[in-house]
Amino acid sequence: MSKDFSVQIRLPNTIAQGDIIEVKAKIKHPSVTGLGLADQASNPYERFYRAQPAEFVRLVEVYYGDELVSKFELNSSSSNDPLIGFKLRADRQEAVRVVVTNHRRETVEASAQVEFS
């Protein structure tokens, strides 16, 4: 597993039951297509070559309690260390869990508890 692969979750400081809150997931992972540009190419299909292995986040799944509430499918065109924000209705005091899978099928996860103030 890549040493630079992790995820952190941020919830608002104060949450009331029924609020629509913004949850942010900060993913630490490089994103590289692995393609290089050839100096000479006889046709458009030969302009690129595999310069290095690709490396990127493939899937982000969000659970609220045991329920899958959102799913993001990413590819190699996403940025390094992506920050994903999404809205969620806080109707119960349960954990929000984010599971991130990269192209090698390695996973990391983080969770934060929704607590009403």
Foldseek 3Di string as FASTA:
>chain_A
DDPQWEKDKDWDPADAAFDWTKIKIWTAWAFDPQKDADPDDPDPVPRIDRNDDGKWWAKKWKDWANRTDDIDGDHSVDHHRDMDMDIDTRNDFGKIKIWIAMPVRDIYMDIDTDDHD
